[in-house]
Amino acid sequence: IIQVREGDVVARRTPSTLGVFGCNVLGEIVHPLPGRNVEFKVGDSVTIQGNTALAGRDGALTWEDSVLHITDLKTIDSDLQMGAVTAKGKVLVLGNVGPGTHIQAQDDVEIRGTLEGGTVVSVNGSVFAKRGIAGRSQVKAAGNVEAPFIEESTVAAGRNLVIDDYIFDSSLSVGRA
């Protein structure tokens, strides 16, 4: 999840050039074809100023079907030890998620720490647990689930399950979340 603030530069376009002369294997001069400027494809809350695309509001940068968007982002700046979080966009937890915690988002969920004993549901996106999934956690995602390891947990991924190290004593479902 790429967090942006209103006014942040989210993309830059390099203007086209006239090209440079070259030569072929016979030593003959090859004339350049001029470059062409490609249009920015932007969606919700992205504005264009010349060759720069700017975030029109705070949120998360999303690249979907070659179009840049800014989507809603709920950020939790610390560990989440209990309670419920519901979001219509993306959720970013900068710490750990503990037992008894429930997170449900319409889009991606990223946990920069460990998910241990909590429940995470991504209705239309993916779940990323950067330091692993453990302790009877439950994870369900329409997209991918990515983590370095899974221990004693239940995980359902609609597309792909990407694990770097190991899976231990867990229930897994891939392709039908």
Protein backbone atom coordinates (compact mmCIF):
# COMPACT_ATOMS: atom_id res chain seq x y z
CA ILE A 1 0.00 0.00 0.00
CA ILE A 2 1.47 3.35 -1.07
CA GLN A 3 0.24 6.11 1.23
CA VAL A 4 -0.03 9.58 -0.35
CA ARG A 5 -0.93 13.06 0.88
CA GLU A 6 -2.80 15.72 -1.04
CA GLY A 7 -0.39 17.46 -3.43
CA ASP A 8 2.15 14.59 -3.53
CA VAL A 9 3.62 13.84 -6.96
CA VAL A 10 2.37 10.37 -7.93
CA ALA A 11 3.76 10.22 -11.51
CA ARG A 12 5.98 12.14 -13.90
CA ARG A 13 5.96 11.92 -17.68
CA THR A 14 9.18 12.46 -19.59
CA PRO A 15 8.40 14.54 -22.71
CA SER A 16 9.07 12.89 -26.05
CA THR A 17 12.18 13.78 -28.07
CA LEU A 18 12.89 14.03 -31.78
CA GLY A 19 15.17 10.99 -31.57
CA VAL A 20 18.80 10.63 -32.63
CA PHE A 21 20.37 9.56 -35.90
CA GLY A 22 21.93 6.12 -36.01
CA CYS A 23 23.45 3.74 -38.49
CA ASN A 24 22.70 0.19 -39.56
CA VAL A 25 25.14 -2.72 -39.95
CA LEU A 26 26.01 -1.52 -43.45
CA GLY A 27 27.07 1.88 -42.11
CA GLU A 28 24.10 3.68 -43.65
CA ILE A 29 22.49 6.55 -41.75
CA VAL A 30 19.16 5.71 -40.14
CA HIS A 31 16.82 8.66 -39.60
CA PRO A 32 15.09 8.80 -36.21
CA LEU A 33 11.38 8.53 -35.70
CA PRO A 34 10.06 11.29 -33.43
CA GLY A 35 8.73 10.17 -30.08
CA ARG A 36 5.12 10.71 -29.11
CA ASN A 37 3.70 11.92 -25.85
CA VAL A 38 1.55 9.36 -24.11
CA GLU A 39 -1.50 10.67 -22.31
CA PHE A 40 -1.78 10.23 -18.55
CA LYS A 41 -4.67 7.97 -17.63
CA VAL A 42 -5.97 9.19 -14.30
CA GLY A 43 -9.11 8.53 -12.33
CA ASP A 44 -10.49 9.60 -8.99
CA SER A 45 -8.66 12.36 -7.14
CA VAL A 46 -5.62 12.63 -9.41
CA THR A 47 -4.92 15.93 -11.19
CA ILE A 48 -2.56 16.71 -14.05
CA GLN A 49 -0.26 19.74 -14.12
CA GLY A 50 1.88 19.65 -17.24
CA ASN A 51 3.94 16.46 -17.12
CA THR A 52 3.15 15.72 -13.47
CA ALA A 53 0.28 13.83 -11.84
CA LEU A 54 -0.62 14.98 -8.31
CA ALA A 55 -2.68 13.40 -5.54
CA GLY A 56 -5.91 15.37 -5.14
CA ARG A 57 -6.48 14.08 -1.60
CA ASP A 58 -4.96 11.93 1.15
CA GLY A 59 -5.29 8.17 0.61
CA ALA A 60 -3.62 5.24 -1.11
CA LEU A 61 -2.26 5.17 -4.65
CA THR A 62 -3.95 2.54 -6.80
CA TRP A 63 -2.99 1.45 -10.32
CA GLU A 64 -5.89 -0.35 -11.97
CA ASP A 65 -6.23 -1.08 -15.70
CA SER A 66 -3.41 1.41 -16.45
CA VAL A 67 -5.28 4.20 -14.61
CA LEU A 68 -4.00 5.98 -11.48
CA HIS A 69 -6.52 6.50 -8.66
CA ILE A 70 -6.41 7.66 -5.06
CA THR A 71 -8.56 5.42 -2.87
CA ASP A 72 -9.66 5.68 0.76
CA LEU A 73 -7.06 4.60 3.32
CA LYS A 74 -7.48 4.00 7.03
CA THR A 75 -4.09 4.00 8.81
CA ILE A 76 -3.49 2.63 12.31
CA ASP A 77 -0.17 4.03 13.55
CA SER A 78 0.47 1.46 16.30
CA ASP A 79 -0.31 -2.09 17.43
CA LEU A 80 -3.96 -3.09 17.30
CA GLN A 81 -4.67 -5.32 20.29
CA MET A 82 -8.46 -5.55 20.28
CA GLY A 83 -11.58 -4.14 18.67
CA ALA A 84 -12.94 -3.88 15.16
CA VAL A 85 -11.89 -1.84 12.15
CA THR A 86 -14.14 -1.51 9.10
CA ALA A 87 -13.14 0.44 6.00
CA LYS A 88 -14.62 1.04 2.57
CA GLY A 89 -11.12 1.34 1.08
CA LYS A 90 -7.72 0.04 2.18
CA VAL A 91 -6.37 -0.53 5.71
CA LEU A 92 -2.73 -0.08 6.74
CA VAL A 93 -1.64 -1.22 10.21
CA LEU A 94 1.90 -0.04 11.04
CA GLY A 95 2.24 -2.42 14.01
CA ASN A 96 1.00 -5.87 15.06
CA VAL A 97 -2.59 -7.15 15.14
CA GLY A 98 -3.45 -9.13 18.27
CA PRO A 99 -6.10 -11.64 19.39
CA GLY A 100 -9.71 -10.52 19.38
CA THR A 101 -9.14 -7.96 16.66
CA HIS A 102 -11.34 -7.94 13.56
CA ILE A 103 -10.42 -5.99 10.39
CA GLN A 104 -12.72 -5.85 7.37
CA ALA A 105 -11.91 -3.79 4.29
CA GLN A 106 -13.39 -3.54 0.82
CA ASP A 107 -9.87 -3.31 -0.63
CA ASP A 108 -6.35 -4.38 0.46
CA VAL A 109 -5.19 -4.83 4.06
CA GLU A 110 -1.49 -4.49 4.91
CA ILE A 111 -0.14 -5.34 8.36
CA ARG A 112 3.48 -4.24 8.74
CA GLY A 113 3.88 -6.39 11.86
CA THR A 114 2.52 -9.85 12.77
CA LEU A 115 -1.10 -10.97 12.67
CA GLU A 116 -1.51 -13.10 15.78
CA GLY A 117 -4.96 -14.37 16.70
CA GLY A 118 -6.96 -11.76 14.82
CA THR A 119 -9.40 -11.94 11.93
CA VAL A 120 -8.78 -10.10 8.65
CA VAL A 121 -11.20 -9.99 5.70
CA SER A 122 -10.51 -8.24 2.40
CA VAL A 123 -13.75 -8.32 0.41
CA ASN A 124 -12.28 -7.31 -2.98
CA GLY A 125 -8.52 -7.07 -2.41
CA SER A 126 -5.50 -8.82 -0.93
CA VAL A 127 -4.01 -9.26 2.55
CA PHE A 128 -0.31 -8.67 3.26
CA ALA A 129 1.07 -9.66 6.69
CA LYS A 130 4.70 -8.51 6.47
CA ARG A 131 5.93 -10.42 9.56
CA GLY A 132 3.69 -13.46 9.39
CA ILE A 133 0.35 -14.99 10.41
CA ALA A 134 0.14 -16.99 13.66
CA GLY A 135 -1.87 -17.90 16.73
CA ARG A 136 -5.22 -19.10 15.39
CA SER A 137 -5.68 -16.14 13.06
CA GLN A 138 -8.33 -16.18 10.37
CA VAL A 139 -7.68 -14.54 6.99
CA LYS A 140 -9.97 -14.32 3.96
CA ALA A 141 -9.15 -12.37 0.79
CA ALA A 142 -10.72 -12.21 -2.67
CA GLY A 143 -7.22 -11.63 -4.06
CA ASN A 144 -3.86 -12.79 -2.73
CA VAL A 145 -2.63 -13.55 0.78
CA GLU A 146 1.10 -12.90 1.30
CA ALA A 147 3.21 -13.53 4.40
CA PRO A 148 6.60 -14.97 5.35
CA PHE A 149 4.91 -17.80 7.31
CA ILE A 150 1.58 -19.18 8.53
CA GLU A 151 1.26 -20.97 11.88
CA GLU A 152 -1.87 -22.53 13.41
CA SER A 153 -4.25 -20.38 11.35
CA THR A 154 -7.03 -20.58 8.77
CA VAL A 155 -6.38 -18.81 5.46
CA ALA A 156 -8.56 -18.52 2.34
CA ALA A 157 -7.16 -16.75 -0.74
CA GLY A 158 -9.23 -16.16 -3.87
CA ARG A 159 -6.22 -16.00 -6.19
CA ASN A 160 -2.75 -16.82 -4.83
CA LEU A 161 -1.18 -17.77 -1.53
CA VAL A 162 2.42 -16.50 -1.37
CA ILE A 163 4.49 -17.78 1.57
CA ASP A 164 8.25 -17.16 1.82
CA ASP A 165 9.31 -19.58 4.57
CA TYR A 166 6.87 -22.16 5.97
CA ILE A 167 3.33 -23.24 6.78
CA PHE A 168 2.69 -25.16 10.00
CA ASP A 169 -0.52 -26.76 11.33
CA SER A 170 -2.87 -24.55 9.31
CA SER A 171 -5.99 -24.87 7.17
CA LEU A 172 -5.60 -23.39 3.69
CA SER A 173 -7.96 -22.73 0.77
CA VAL A 174 -6.76 -21.19 -2.49
CA GLY A 175 -8.87 -20.20 -5.47
CA ARG A 176 -12.32 -20.08 -3.90
CA ALA A 177 -12.25 -17.43 -1.17
